[in-house]
């Protein structure tokens, strides 16, 4: 399986530039995207498509420590909107390597995304 790994931005009190870490949905690997998750990570998605239904975003869940499955979470990203998803409970969403996995149905450069981790308060 080939996933495109997102760099996680560590948001803190000093502020950070967001544009530099945005990637296009067209850079998705054959299996989708993934990002490291410690339970404080959010996924920011901005769909800049001019018109249409936008994208469908599907997160892949895992079995928790008791064997209960969080199968998938599917969300629609509407054209010309911004969304934040998360935080993601590591026990339900992290794979064996500590990543949340997800995929878009359409791979378009006008849909951008980034993973943002909320740092501890200062």
N, C-alpha and C. Protein backbone atom coordinates (compact mmCIF):
# COMPACT_ATOMS: atom_id res chain seq x y z
N UNK A 1 0.83 -1.18 0.00
CA UNK A 1 0.00 0.00 0.00
C UNK A 1 0.88 1.25 0.00
N UNK A 2 0.53 2.20 -0.81
CA UNK A 2 1.31 3.43 -0.89
C UNK A 2 0.49 4.61 -0.39
N UNK A 3 0.95 5.19 0.70
CA UNK A 3 0.30 6.37 1.26
C UNK A 3 1.23 7.56 1.14
N UNK A 4 0.66 8.73 0.89
CA UNK A 4 1.42 9.97 0.96
C UNK A 4 1.37 10.43 2.41
N UNK A 5 2.54 10.60 3.03
CA UNK A 5 2.60 11.00 4.44
C UNK A 5 2.62 12.52 4.54
N UNK A 6 1.68 13.06 5.31
CA UNK A 6 1.63 14.51 5.53
C UNK A 6 2.58 14.89 6.65
N UNK A 7 3.27 16.01 6.49
CA UNK A 7 4.06 16.58 7.57
C UNK A 7 3.09 17.24 8.54
N UNK A 8 3.21 16.95 9.82
CA UNK A 8 2.31 17.52 10.83
C UNK A 8 2.88 18.84 11.33
N UNK A 9 2.10 19.89 11.21
CA UNK A 9 2.46 21.21 11.70
C UNK A 9 2.18 21.26 13.20
N UNK A 10 3.17 21.65 13.99
CA UNK A 10 2.99 21.78 15.44
C UNK A 10 2.56 23.21 15.74
N UNK A 11 1.26 23.43 15.87
CA UNK A 11 0.75 24.77 16.14
C UNK A 11 1.06 25.14 17.59
N UNK A 12 1.59 26.33 17.79
CA UNK A 12 1.91 26.78 19.14
C UNK A 12 1.61 28.26 19.28
N UNK A 13 1.93 28.81 20.43
CA UNK A 13 1.60 30.19 20.75
C UNK A 13 2.33 31.19 19.84
N UNK A 14 3.44 30.79 19.24
CA UNK A 14 4.21 31.67 18.36
C UNK A 14 3.57 31.85 16.99
N UNK A 15 2.65 30.95 16.63
CA UNK A 15 2.00 31.03 15.32
C UNK A 15 2.84 30.35 14.25
N UNK A 16 2.20 29.91 13.21
CA UNK A 16 2.87 29.22 12.12
C UNK A 16 2.22 29.57 10.80
N UNK A 17 3.02 29.54 9.74
CA UNK A 17 2.50 29.77 8.39
C UNK A 17 1.82 28.49 7.92
N UNK A 18 0.59 28.61 7.46
CA UNK A 18 -0.16 27.44 7.03
C UNK A 18 0.07 27.07 5.57
N UNK A 19 0.20 28.06 4.72
CA UNK A 19 0.27 27.80 3.28
C UNK A 19 1.42 26.87 2.92
N UNK A 20 2.55 27.01 3.57
CA UNK A 20 3.74 26.24 3.21
C UNK A 20 3.54 24.73 3.34
N UNK A 21 2.69 24.30 4.26
CA UNK A 21 2.52 22.86 4.47
C UNK A 21 1.28 22.28 3.82
N UNK A 22 0.51 23.09 3.09
CA UNK A 22 -0.65 22.54 2.39
C UNK A 22 -0.20 21.71 1.20
N UNK A 23 -0.85 20.58 1.01
CA UNK A 23 -0.57 19.75 -0.15
C UNK A 23 -1.88 19.52 -0.90
N UNK A 24 -1.77 19.28 -2.19
CA UNK A 24 -2.95 19.04 -3.01
C UNK A 24 -3.40 17.60 -2.92
N UNK A 25 -4.72 17.39 -3.02
CA UNK A 25 -5.27 16.03 -2.99
C UNK A 25 -4.77 15.21 -4.18
N UNK A 26 -4.26 15.88 -5.21
CA UNK A 26 -3.74 15.15 -6.37
C UNK A 26 -2.40 14.48 -6.06
N UNK A 27 -1.79 14.75 -4.89
CA UNK A 27 -0.54 14.09 -4.51
C UNK A 27 -0.78 12.82 -3.71
N UNK A 28 -2.04 12.43 -3.59
CA UNK A 28 -2.43 11.22 -2.86
C UNK A 28 -1.76 9.99 -3.45
N UNK A 29 -1.21 9.15 -2.57
CA UNK A 29 -0.65 7.88 -3.01
C UNK A 29 -1.76 6.95 -3.49
N UNK A 30 -1.40 5.80 -3.98
CA UNK A 30 -2.41 4.88 -4.52
C UNK A 30 -3.41 4.44 -3.46
N UNK A 31 -3.01 4.45 -2.19
CA UNK A 31 -3.91 4.07 -1.10
C UNK A 31 -4.47 5.27 -0.34
N UNK A 32 -3.93 6.47 -0.57
CA UNK A 32 -4.42 7.66 0.10
C UNK A 32 -3.34 8.41 0.83
N UNK A 33 -3.73 9.09 1.91
CA UNK A 33 -2.83 9.88 2.75
C UNK A 33 -2.75 9.26 4.13
N UNK A 34 -1.75 9.70 4.90
CA UNK A 34 -1.65 9.35 6.30
C UNK A 34 -0.91 10.46 7.04
N UNK A 35 -1.16 10.56 8.35
CA UNK A 35 -0.42 11.51 9.17
C UNK A 35 -0.23 10.92 10.57
N UNK A 36 0.89 11.28 11.20
CA UNK A 36 1.19 10.83 12.56
C UNK A 36 0.16 11.44 13.51
N UNK A 37 -0.27 10.64 14.48
CA UNK A 37 -1.33 11.10 15.38
C UNK A 37 -1.05 10.68 16.82
N UNK A 38 -1.16 11.67 17.72
CA UNK A 38 -1.03 11.38 19.15
C UNK A 38 -2.32 11.72 19.90
N UNK A 39 -3.38 11.96 19.16
CA UNK A 39 -4.66 12.32 19.76
C UNK A 39 -4.91 13.82 19.79
N UNK A 40 -3.91 14.61 19.40
CA UNK A 40 -4.05 16.07 19.38
C UNK A 40 -3.97 16.63 17.96
N UNK A 41 -4.06 15.75 16.97
CA UNK A 41 -3.87 16.17 15.59
C UNK A 41 -5.21 16.35 14.88
N UNK A 42 -5.32 17.44 14.14
CA UNK A 42 -6.51 17.75 13.35
C UNK A 42 -6.15 17.75 11.88
N UNK A 43 -7.13 17.48 11.04
CA UNK A 43 -6.93 17.55 9.60
C UNK A 43 -7.70 18.74 9.06
N UNK A 44 -7.00 19.65 8.41
CA UNK A 44 -7.60 20.84 7.79
C UNK A 44 -7.74 20.57 6.30
N UNK A 45 -8.94 20.77 5.75
CA UNK A 45 -9.19 20.54 4.32
C UNK A 45 -9.85 21.79 3.75
N UNK A 46 -9.31 22.27 2.63
CA UNK A 46 -9.90 23.40 1.93
C UNK A 46 -10.16 22.99 0.49
N UNK A 47 -11.42 23.02 0.10
CA UNK A 47 -11.82 22.64 -1.25
C UNK A 47 -12.06 23.90 -2.06
N UNK A 48 -11.23 24.13 -3.05
CA UNK A 48 -11.34 25.33 -3.88
C UNK A 48 -11.89 25.06 -5.26
N UNK A 49 -12.54 23.90 -5.43
CA UNK A 49 -13.17 23.60 -6.72
C UNK A 49 -14.25 24.64 -6.99
N UNK A 50 -14.38 25.05 -8.22
CA UNK A 50 -15.32 26.12 -8.58
C UNK A 50 -16.77 25.72 -8.37
N UNK A 51 -17.08 24.47 -8.64
CA UNK A 51 -18.47 24.03 -8.53
C UNK A 51 -18.49 22.52 -8.36
N UNK A 52 -19.67 21.99 -8.11
CA UNK A 52 -19.81 20.55 -8.02
C UNK A 52 -19.96 20.09 -6.58
N UNK A 53 -20.04 18.79 -6.41
CA UNK A 53 -20.29 18.20 -5.10
C UNK A 53 -19.06 18.20 -4.21
N UNK A 54 -17.89 18.48 -4.76
CA UNK A 54 -16.67 18.44 -3.95
C UNK A 54 -16.10 17.04 -3.90
N UNK A 55 -15.58 16.67 -2.74
CA UNK A 55 -14.90 15.39 -2.56
C UNK A 55 -15.54 14.56 -1.46
N UNK A 56 -15.33 13.26 -1.53
CA UNK A 56 -15.68 12.39 -0.42
C UNK A 56 -14.38 11.97 0.24
N UNK A 57 -14.33 12.10 1.55
CA UNK A 57 -13.16 11.80 2.34
C UNK A 57 -13.49 10.61 3.23
N UNK A 58 -12.67 9.54 3.17
CA UNK A 58 -12.94 8.34 3.96
C UNK A 58 -11.75 8.03 4.85
N UNK A 59 -11.99 7.99 6.18
CA UNK A 59 -10.97 7.64 7.16
C UNK A 59 -11.07 6.15 7.45
N UNK A 60 -9.94 5.48 7.63
CA UNK A 60 -9.90 4.06 7.91
C UNK A 60 -9.69 3.84 9.40
N UNK A 61 -10.63 3.18 10.06
CA UNK A 61 -10.52 2.88 11.48
C UNK A 61 -9.80 1.57 11.72
N UNK A 62 -9.53 1.28 12.99
CA UNK A 62 -8.87 0.04 13.39
C UNK A 62 -9.62 -0.57 14.57
N UNK A 63 -9.33 -1.82 14.87
CA UNK A 63 -9.91 -2.45 16.06
C UNK A 63 -9.27 -1.84 17.30
N UNK A 64 -10.07 -1.57 18.33
CA UNK A 64 -9.51 -1.04 19.57
C UNK A 64 -8.92 -2.19 20.39
N UNK A 65 -8.40 -1.89 21.58
CA UNK A 65 -7.74 -2.91 22.39
C UNK A 65 -8.68 -4.02 22.86
N UNK A 66 -9.98 -3.80 22.73
CA UNK A 66 -10.96 -4.82 23.10
C UNK A 66 -11.50 -5.57 21.89
N UNK A 67 -10.97 -5.25 20.70
CA UNK A 67 -11.39 -5.93 19.48
C UNK A 67 -12.57 -5.31 18.77
N UNK A 68 -13.09 -4.19 19.32
CA UNK A 68 -14.23 -3.51 18.67
C UNK A 68 -13.70 -2.72 17.48
N UNK A 69 -14.42 -2.80 16.39
CA UNK A 69 -13.96 -2.15 15.16
C UNK A 69 -14.63 -0.79 14.95
N UNK A 70 -13.83 0.20 14.64
CA UNK A 70 -14.31 1.50 14.15
C UNK A 70 -14.05 1.42 12.66
N UNK A 71 -15.02 0.98 11.90
CA UNK A 71 -14.78 0.61 10.51
C UNK A 71 -14.26 1.77 9.67
N UNK A 72 -15.12 2.67 9.29
CA UNK A 72 -14.69 3.82 8.50
C UNK A 72 -15.54 5.03 8.87
N UNK A 73 -15.05 6.18 8.53
CA UNK A 73 -15.77 7.43 8.72
C UNK A 73 -15.72 8.14 7.37
N UNK A 74 -16.87 8.39 6.78
CA UNK A 74 -16.93 9.04 5.47
C UNK A 74 -17.59 10.40 5.61
N UNK A 75 -16.95 11.40 5.04
CA UNK A 75 -17.45 12.77 5.08
C UNK A 75 -17.38 13.39 3.69
N UNK A 76 -18.32 14.29 3.41
CA UNK A 76 -18.33 15.01 2.15
C UNK A 76 -17.73 16.39 2.35
N UNK A 77 -16.81 16.74 1.48
CA UNK A 77 -16.18 18.06 1.49
C UNK A 77 -16.81 18.83 0.34
N UNK A 78 -17.58 19.86 0.66
CA UNK A 78 -18.30 20.63 -0.34
C UNK A 78 -17.39 21.65 -1.01
N UNK A 79 -17.62 21.88 -2.30
CA UNK A 79 -16.81 22.84 -3.06
C UNK A 79 -16.85 24.22 -2.42
N UNK A 80 -15.69 24.86 -2.40
CA UNK A 80 -15.48 26.21 -1.89
C UNK A 80 -15.78 26.33 -0.39
N UNK A 81 -15.40 25.32 0.38
CA UNK A 81 -15.58 25.32 1.83
C UNK A 81 -14.29 24.88 2.51
N UNK A 82 -14.17 25.19 3.82
CA UNK A 82 -13.04 24.74 4.63
C UNK A 82 -13.58 23.87 5.75
N UNK A 83 -12.83 22.82 6.09
CA UNK A 83 -13.25 21.87 7.12
C UNK A 83 -12.08 21.54 8.04
N UNK A 84 -12.42 21.21 9.29
CA UNK A 84 -11.45 20.67 10.25
C UNK A 84 -12.03 19.35 10.74
N UNK A 85 -11.22 18.28 10.71
CA UNK A 85 -11.63 16.97 11.19
C UNK A 85 -10.72 16.56 12.34
N UNK A 86 -11.29 15.95 13.36
CA UNK A 86 -10.51 15.47 14.49
C UNK A 86 -10.91 16.18 15.76
N UNK A 87 -10.23 15.94 16.83
CA UNK A 87 -9.06 15.06 16.96
C UNK A 87 -9.46 13.58 16.86
N UNK A 88 -8.46 12.75 16.62
CA UNK A 88 -8.67 11.33 16.39
C UNK A 88 -8.11 10.52 17.56
N UNK A 89 -8.96 9.73 18.20
CA UNK A 89 -8.52 8.87 19.29
C UNK A 89 -7.55 7.83 18.73
N UNK A 90 -6.30 7.82 19.20
CA UNK A 90 -5.32 6.87 18.65
C UNK A 90 -5.76 5.40 18.76
N UNK A 91 -6.53 5.07 19.81
CA UNK A 91 -6.98 3.69 19.97
C UNK A 91 -7.98 3.24 18.94
N UNK A 92 -8.62 4.19 18.24
CA UNK A 92 -9.61 3.85 17.23
C UNK A 92 -9.16 4.16 15.80
N UNK A 93 -8.19 5.06 15.65
CA UNK A 93 -7.86 5.52 14.31
C UNK A 93 -6.42 5.28 13.89
N UNK A 94 -5.49 5.06 14.83
CA UNK A 94 -4.09 4.86 14.46
C UNK A 94 -3.84 3.43 13.97
N UNK A 95 -3.07 3.33 12.89
CA UNK A 95 -2.63 2.01 12.45
C UNK A 95 -1.47 1.57 13.35
N UNK A 96 -0.86 0.43 13.05
CA UNK A 96 0.21 -0.11 13.89
C UNK A 96 1.43 0.81 13.95
N UNK A 97 1.59 1.71 12.98
CA UNK A 97 2.72 2.62 12.95
C UNK A 97 2.41 3.98 13.58
N UNK A 98 1.17 4.19 14.06
CA UNK A 98 0.81 5.45 14.70
C UNK A 98 0.27 6.50 13.75
N UNK A 99 -0.26 6.07 12.61
CA UNK A 99 -0.79 6.99 11.60
C UNK A 99 -2.30 6.85 11.43
N UNK A 100 -2.97 7.96 11.15
CA UNK A 100 -4.36 7.95 10.70
C UNK A 100 -4.31 7.88 9.18
N UNK A 101 -5.12 7.00 8.60
CA UNK A 101 -5.15 6.84 7.14
C UNK A 101 -6.48 7.32 6.58
N UNK A 102 -6.41 7.98 5.42
CA UNK A 102 -7.65 8.45 4.78
C UNK A 102 -7.39 8.62 3.29
N UNK A 103 -8.49 8.72 2.53
CA UNK A 103 -8.39 8.86 1.08
C UNK A 103 -9.51 9.74 0.57
N UNK A 104 -9.24 10.42 -0.56
CA UNK A 104 -10.24 11.22 -1.28
C UNK A 104 -10.73 10.42 -2.48
N UNK A 105 -12.00 10.63 -2.86
CA UNK A 105 -12.48 9.98 -4.07
C UNK A 105 -11.95 10.69 -5.30
N UNK A 106 -11.77 12.00 -5.23
CA UNK A 106 -11.19 12.73 -6.35
C UNK A 106 -9.84 13.28 -5.96
N UNK A 107 -8.93 13.27 -6.91
CA UNK A 107 -7.58 13.74 -6.65
C UNK A 107 -7.37 15.02 -7.42
N UNK A 108 -7.66 16.15 -6.79
CA UNK A 108 -7.59 17.43 -7.48
C UNK A 108 -6.67 18.38 -6.73
N UNK A 109 -5.83 19.10 -7.47
CA UNK A 109 -4.88 20.04 -6.87
C UNK A 109 -5.59 21.20 -6.18
N UNK A 110 -6.86 21.44 -6.52
CA UNK A 110 -7.59 22.56 -5.92
C UNK A 110 -8.16 22.20 -4.56
N UNK A 111 -8.04 20.96 -4.14
CA UNK A 111 -8.39 20.57 -2.78
C UNK A 111 -7.09 20.42 -2.03
N UNK A 112 -6.88 21.26 -1.01
CA UNK A 112 -5.64 21.21 -0.25
C UNK A 112 -5.90 20.78 1.17
N UNK A 113 -4.88 20.24 1.81
CA UNK A 113 -5.03 19.72 3.14
C UNK A 113 -3.73 19.82 3.91
N UNK A 114 -3.85 19.77 5.25
CA UNK A 114 -2.69 19.71 6.11
C UNK A 114 -3.10 19.14 7.45
N UNK A 115 -2.13 18.52 8.12
CA UNK A 115 -2.34 17.99 9.47
C UNK A 115 -1.74 19.00 10.45
N UNK A 116 -2.50 19.34 11.50
CA UNK A 116 -2.07 20.32 12.49
C UNK A 116 -2.19 19.71 13.88
N UNK A 117 -1.09 19.72 14.62
CA UNK A 117 -1.11 19.21 15.99
C UNK A 117 -1.15 20.39 16.94
N UNK A 118 -2.10 20.38 17.84
CA UNK A 118 -2.22 21.43 18.84
C UNK A 118 -1.19 21.17 19.94
N UNK A 119 -0.28 22.10 20.13
CA UNK A 119 0.76 21.95 21.15
C UNK A 119 0.15 22.17 22.54
N UNK A 120 0.90 21.80 23.55
CA UNK A 120 0.46 22.01 24.92
C UNK A 120 0.39 23.50 25.21
N UNK A 121 -0.56 23.93 26.03
CA UNK A 121 -0.67 25.36 26.37
C UNK A 121 0.61 25.87 27.02
N UNK A 122 0.90 27.15 26.76
CA UNK A 122 2.09 27.77 27.37
C UNK A 122 1.67 28.88 28.29
